[in-house]
Amino acid sequence: MDGHRAANSPFALAFSCQVSSLSDLTLRPRAQDLDNIVSGVFTTVLAKHSKQFSLIDCISVGVDRMQRNFEPMRKQVEAWQKSELTDVTAKVVIYEAFVEGRLEAPKHLVRTVHDLYFEPKYEEFRPRTIWSLSNAFTSAFKELDPVPQFKATAKLREFLEARFSQSF
């Protein structure tokens, strides 16, 4: 099963099976709920294939781990919403990410990120903040196929934290 989503569930469940006999279950907020909030909110649970494997127990562990990350995630969002950026700083960050290759993301998205930051589609992302810049990146990543999108989004938080020397 790949990318299964329950209609009323606040979580998207992404499953994959690997030859190494490990089942990899990743829990993340549904895209329409929290997709652009913060990268790095993915919770992975590993379990060996066996007769005793319980998907319910596995999901319970993943949800518990994810819920523990909500408070730090909320604090990070608030801090990034208050952290104003100059236009020059935003351009330098985008340049470093793509031209200097400091973010593992396809270089062809540079123009999309730039446009989404400087001409955002939504009013809440008009303020020139780290939050709005993060949203520009994650919105641009939506153009990617699922696996590259997941990888780029997972690296974004680390990149932005390193760039702005803020750990949340």
C-alpha atoms as a PDB file:
ATOM      1  CA  MET A   1       0.000   0.000   0.000  1.00  0.00           C
ATOM      2  CA  ASP A   2       1.485   3.368  -0.886  1.00  0.00           C
ATOM      3  CA  GLY A   3       0.250   6.746   0.312  1.00  0.00           C
ATOM      4  CA  HIS A   4      -2.954   5.428   1.938  1.00  0.00           C
ATOM      5  CA  ARG A   5      -5.032   8.148   3.550  1.00  0.00           C
ATOM      6  CA  ALA A   6      -8.133   7.745   5.713  1.00  0.00           C
ATOM      7  CA  ALA A   7     -10.830  10.279   4.833  1.00  0.00           C
ATOM      8  CA  ASN A   8     -11.180  11.806   8.307  1.00  0.00           C
ATOM      9  CA  SER A   9      -7.652  11.199   9.523  1.00  0.00           C
ATOM     10  CA  PRO A  10      -5.458  14.201  10.365  1.00  0.00           C
ATOM     11  CA  PHE A  11      -2.457  12.177   9.197  1.00  0.00           C
ATOM     12  CA  ALA A  12      -1.214  10.933   5.883  1.00  0.00           C
ATOM     13  CA  LEU A  13       0.302   7.476   6.059  1.00  0.00           C
ATOM     14  CA  ALA A  14       3.025   6.566   3.634  1.00  0.00           C
ATOM     15  CA  PHE A  15       4.048   2.907   3.470  1.00  0.00           C
ATOM     16  CA  SER A  16       6.907   1.230   1.707  1.00  0.00           C
ATOM     17  CA  CYS A  17       8.344  -2.250   1.859  1.00  0.00           C
ATOM     18  CA  GLN A  18      12.019  -2.852   1.275  1.00  0.00           C
ATOM     19  CA  VAL A  19      13.982  -5.973   0.394  1.00  0.00           C
ATOM     20  CA  SER A  20      15.831  -5.690   3.726  1.00  0.00           C
ATOM     21  CA  SER A  21      12.676  -7.134   5.343  1.00  0.00           C
ATOM     22  CA  LEU A  22      11.860  -3.924   7.160  1.00  0.00           C
ATOM     23  CA  SER A  23       8.529  -2.222   6.849  1.00  0.00           C
ATOM     24  CA  ASP A  24       8.868   1.530   6.854  1.00  0.00           C
ATOM     25  CA  LEU A  25       5.819   3.471   8.013  1.00  0.00           C
ATOM     26  CA  THR A  26       5.997   7.251   7.834  1.00  0.00           C
ATOM     27  CA  LEU A  27       3.406   9.430   9.513  1.00  0.00           C
ATOM     28  CA  ARG A  28       3.060  13.072   8.590  1.00  0.00           C
ATOM     29  CA  PRO A  29       0.359  15.729   8.787  1.00  0.00           C
ATOM     30  CA  ARG A  30      -2.073  15.742   5.875  1.00  0.00           C
ATOM     31  CA  ALA A  31      -0.824  18.020   3.126  1.00  0.00           C
ATOM     32  CA  GLN A  32      -3.784  20.365   3.251  1.00  0.00           C
ATOM     33  CA  ASP A  33      -3.456  20.729   7.037  1.00  0.00           C
ATOM     34  CA  LEU A  34       0.224  21.259   7.732  1.00  0.00           C
ATOM     35  CA  ASP A  35       2.148  20.787   4.511  1.00  0.00           C
ATOM     36  CA  ASN A  36       3.743  24.202   4.536  1.00  0.00           C
ATOM     37  CA  ILE A  37       4.118  24.641   8.261  1.00  0.00           C
ATOM     38  CA  VAL A  38       7.427  23.054   9.004  1.00  0.00           C
ATOM     39  CA  SER A  39       9.530  20.495   7.312  1.00  0.00           C
ATOM     40  CA  GLY A  40      10.929  17.686   9.400  1.00  0.00           C
ATOM     41  CA  VAL A  41       7.646  16.642  11.045  1.00  0.00           C
ATOM     42  CA  PHE A  42       7.829  13.152   9.623  1.00  0.00           C
ATOM     43  CA  THR A  43       7.879  10.193  12.008  1.00  0.00           C
ATOM     44  CA  THR A  44       9.276   6.895  10.806  1.00  0.00           C
ATOM     45  CA  VAL A  45       8.588   3.597  12.543  1.00  0.00           C
ATOM     46  CA  LEU A  46      10.507   0.460  11.566  1.00  0.00           C
ATOM     47  CA  ALA A  47       9.364  -3.092  12.266  1.00  0.00           C
ATOM     48  CA  LYS A  48      10.451  -6.512  11.053  1.00  0.00           C
ATOM     49  CA  HIS A  49       8.000  -8.543   8.997  1.00  0.00           C
ATOM     50  CA  SER A  50       6.544 -11.201  11.262  1.00  0.00           C
ATOM     51  CA  LYS A  51       3.353 -12.940  12.258  1.00  0.00           C
ATOM     52  CA  GLN A  52       3.244 -10.794  15.393  1.00  0.00           C
ATOM     53  CA  PHE A  53       3.465  -7.482  13.520  1.00  0.00           C
ATOM     54  CA  SER A  54       0.545  -5.242  14.468  1.00  0.00           C
ATOM     55  CA  LEU A  55      -0.167  -2.336  12.155  1.00  0.00           C
ATOM     56  CA  ILE A  56      -2.375  -0.768  14.844  1.00  0.00           C
ATOM     57  CA  ASP A  57       0.474  -0.867  17.405  1.00  0.00           C
ATOM     58  CA  CYS A  58       2.904   0.456  14.817  1.00  0.00           C
ATOM     59  CA  ILE A  59       0.617   3.370  13.924  1.00  0.00           C
ATOM     60  CA  SER A  60       0.024   4.092  17.633  1.00  0.00           C
ATOM     61  CA  VAL A  61       3.773   4.372  18.244  1.00  0.00           C
ATOM     62  CA  GLY A  62       4.185   6.637  15.200  1.00  0.00           C
ATOM     63  CA  VAL A  63       1.293   8.913  16.197  1.00  0.00           C
ATOM     64  CA  ASP A  64       2.658   9.161  19.744  1.00  0.00           C
ATOM     65  CA  ARG A  65       6.102  10.150  18.447  1.00  0.00           C
ATOM     66  CA  MET A  66       4.584  12.680  16.094  1.00  0.00           C
ATOM     67  CA  GLN A  67       2.418  14.289  18.771  1.00  0.00           C
ATOM     68  CA  ARG A  68       5.498  14.838  20.925  1.00  0.00           C
ATOM     69  CA  ASN A  69       6.855  17.016  18.113  1.00  0.00           C
ATOM     70  CA  PHE A  70       3.824  19.341  17.934  1.00  0.00           C
ATOM     71  CA  GLU A  71       4.941  21.747  20.670  1.00  0.00           C
ATOM     72  CA  PRO A  72       8.485  22.247  19.314  1.00  0.00           C
ATOM     73  CA  MET A  73       6.960  22.593  15.835  1.00  0.00           C
ATOM     74  CA  ARG A  74       4.519  25.270  17.069  1.00  0.00           C
ATOM     75  CA  LYS A  75       7.362  27.178  18.724  1.00  0.00           C
ATOM     76  CA  GLN A  76       9.440  26.997  15.557  1.00  0.00           C
ATOM     77  CA  VAL A  77       6.570  28.325  13.453  1.00  0.00           C
ATOM     78  CA  GLU A  78       6.042  31.245  15.832  1.00  0.00           C
ATOM     79  CA  ALA A  79       9.752  32.086  15.882  1.00  0.00           C
ATOM     80  CA  TRP A  80      10.015  31.912  12.090  1.00  0.00           C
ATOM     81  CA  GLN A  81       6.894  34.085  11.693  1.00  0.00           C
ATOM     82  CA  LYS A  82       8.555  36.773  13.835  1.00  0.00           C
ATOM     83  CA  SER A  83      11.960  36.547  12.118  1.00  0.00           C
ATOM     84  CA  GLU A  84      11.946  39.237   9.446  1.00  0.00           C
ATOM     85  CA  LEU A  85      14.227  38.997   6.425  1.00  0.00           C
ATOM     86  CA  THR A  86      15.524  41.650   4.097  1.00  0.00           C
ATOM     87  CA  ASP A  87      15.011  41.008   0.399  1.00  0.00           C
ATOM     88  CA  VAL A  88      18.771  40.683   0.000  1.00  0.00           C
ATOM     89  CA  THR A  89      18.974  38.012   2.716  1.00  0.00           C
ATOM     90  CA  ALA A  90      16.138  36.025   1.129  1.00  0.00           C
ATOM     91  CA  LYS A  91      17.848  36.186  -2.278  1.00  0.00           C
ATOM     92  CA  VAL A  92      21.155  35.044  -0.752  1.00  0.00           C
ATOM     93  CA  VAL A  93      19.457  32.096   0.976  1.00  0.00           C
ATOM     94  CA  ILE A  94      17.787  31.031  -2.274  1.00  0.00           C
ATOM     95  CA  TYR A  95      21.132  31.423  -4.090  1.00  0.00           C
ATOM     96  CA  GLU A  96      22.965  29.361  -1.454  1.00  0.00           C
ATOM     97  CA  ALA A  97      20.305  26.654  -1.551  1.00  0.00           C
ATOM     98  CA  PHE A  98      20.299  26.146  -5.296  1.00  0.00           C
ATOM     99  CA  VAL A  99      23.353  27.691  -6.945  1.00  0.00           C
ATOM    100  CA  GLU A 100      25.814  26.737  -4.208  1.00  0.00           C
ATOM    101  CA  GLY A 101      24.010  23.429  -3.703  1.00  0.00           C
ATOM    102  CA  ARG A 102      23.654  23.657   0.083  1.00  0.00           C
ATOM    103  CA  LEU A 103      20.139  22.181  -0.087  1.00  0.00           C
ATOM    104  CA  GLU A 104      19.577  18.821  -1.717  1.00  0.00           C
ATOM    105  CA  ALA A 105      16.845  19.954  -4.072  1.00  0.00           C
ATOM    106  CA  PRO A 106      16.534  20.193  -7.857  1.00  0.00           C
ATOM    107  CA  LYS A 107      18.091  23.412  -9.144  1.00  0.00           C
ATOM    108  CA  HIS A 108      15.288  24.038 -11.625  1.00  0.00           C
ATOM    109  CA  LEU A 109      13.068  25.128  -8.706  1.00  0.00           C
ATOM    110  CA  VAL A 110      15.127  28.257  -8.017  1.00  0.00           C
ATOM    111  CA  ARG A 111      12.836  30.544 -10.071  1.00  0.00           C
ATOM    112  CA  THR A 112       9.707  29.021  -8.532  1.00  0.00           C
ATOM    113  CA  VAL A 113      10.974  29.552  -4.968  1.00  0.00           C
ATOM    114  CA  HIS A 114      11.981  33.118  -5.818  1.00  0.00           C
ATOM    115  CA  ASP A 115       8.588  33.917  -7.338  1.00  0.00           C
ATOM    116  CA  LEU A 116       6.617  32.292  -4.513  1.00  0.00           C
ATOM    117  CA  TYR A 117       8.563  34.268  -1.907  1.00  0.00           C
ATOM    118  CA  PHE A 118       8.495  37.659  -3.599  1.00  0.00           C
ATOM    119  CA  GLU A 119       4.987  37.262  -5.050  1.00  0.00           C
ATOM    120  CA  PRO A 120       3.201  34.864  -2.652  1.00  0.00           C
ATOM    121  CA  LYS A 121      -0.169  33.411  -3.586  1.00  0.00           C
ATOM    122  CA  TYR A 122      -1.558  33.770  -0.063  1.00  0.00           C
ATOM    123  CA  GLU A 123      -1.795  36.886   2.089  1.00  0.00           C
ATOM    124  CA  GLU A 124      -0.421  35.183   5.207  1.00  0.00           C
ATOM    125  CA  PHE A 125       2.905  34.671   3.406  1.00  0.00           C
ATOM    126  CA  ARG A 126       3.340  38.304   2.313  1.00  0.00           C
ATOM    127  CA  PRO A 127       5.451  39.296   5.351  1.00  0.00           C
ATOM    128  CA  ARG A 128       9.149  38.897   4.602  1.00  0.00           C
ATOM    129  CA  THR A 129       9.977  36.227   7.193  1.00  0.00           C
ATOM    130  CA  ILE A 130      11.756  32.890   7.481  1.00  0.00           C
ATOM    131  CA  TRP A 131       8.273  31.376   7.702  1.00  0.00           C
ATOM    132  CA  SER A 132       7.308  32.815   4.312  1.00  0.00           C
ATOM    133  CA  LEU A 133      10.615  31.709   2.789  1.00  0.00           C
ATOM    134  CA  SER A 134      10.081  28.184   4.131  1.00  0.00           C
ATOM    135  CA  ASN A 135       6.609  28.212   2.585  1.00  0.00           C
ATOM    136  CA  ALA A 136       8.046  29.284  -0.776  1.00  0.00           C
ATOM    137  CA  PHE A 137      10.410  26.302  -0.715  1.00  0.00           C
ATOM    138  CA  THR A 138       7.770  23.767   0.343  1.00  0.00           C
ATOM    139  CA  SER A 139       5.272  25.108  -2.188  1.00  0.00           C
ATOM    140  CA  ALA A 140       7.869  24.789  -4.957  1.00  0.00           C
ATOM    141  CA  PHE A 141       8.644  21.240  -3.829  1.00  0.00           C
ATOM    142  CA  LYS A 142       5.042  20.295  -4.681  1.00  0.00           C
ATOM    143  CA  GLU A 143       6.138  20.245  -8.341  1.00  0.00           C
ATOM    144  CA  LEU A 144       8.322  17.204  -7.572  1.00  0.00           C
ATOM    145  CA  ASP A 145       7.395  13.549  -7.593  1.00  0.00           C
ATOM    146  CA  PRO A 146       6.618  12.166  -4.105  1.00  0.00           C
ATOM    147  CA  VAL A 147      10.034  10.700  -3.212  1.00  0.00           C
ATOM    148  CA  PRO A 148      12.129  13.717  -4.295  1.00  0.00           C
ATOM    149  CA  GLN A 149       9.531  15.996  -2.654  1.00  0.00           C
ATOM    150  CA  PHE A 150       9.822  14.081   0.624  1.00  0.00           C
ATOM    151  CA  LYS A 151      13.641  14.183   0.505  1.00  0.00           C
ATOM    152  CA  ALA A 152      13.832  17.906  -0.289  1.00  0.00           C
ATOM    153  CA  THR A 153      11.277  18.804   2.381  1.00  0.00           C
ATOM    154  CA  ALA A 154      13.089  16.692   4.978  1.00  0.00           C
ATOM    155  CA  LYS A 155      16.358  18.570   4.292  1.00  0.00           C
ATOM    156  CA  LEU A 156      14.799  22.052   4.293  1.00  0.00           C
ATOM    157  CA  ARG A 157      14.468  22.552   8.054  1.00  0.00           C
ATOM    158  CA  GLU A 158      18.082  21.518   8.607  1.00  0.00           C
ATOM    159  CA  PHE A 159      19.225  23.906   5.871  1.00  0.00           C
ATOM    160  CA  LEU A 160      17.229  26.877   7.211  1.00  0.00           C
ATOM    161  CA  GLU A 161      18.265  26.260  10.819  1.00  0.00           C
ATOM    162  CA  ALA A 162      21.933  26.071   9.812  1.00  0.00           C
ATOM    163  CA  ARG A 163      21.580  29.217   7.712  1.00  0.00           C
ATOM    164  CA  PHE A 164      19.913  31.247  10.439  1.00  0.00           C
ATOM    165  CA  SER A 165      21.740  29.622  13.379  1.00  0.00           C
ATOM    166  CA  GLN A 166      18.484  28.988  15.198  1.00  0.00           C
ATOM    167  CA  SER A 167      17.701  25.649  16.765  1.00  0.00           C
ATOM    168  CA  PHE A 168      14.159  24.950  17.876  1.00  0.00           C
END
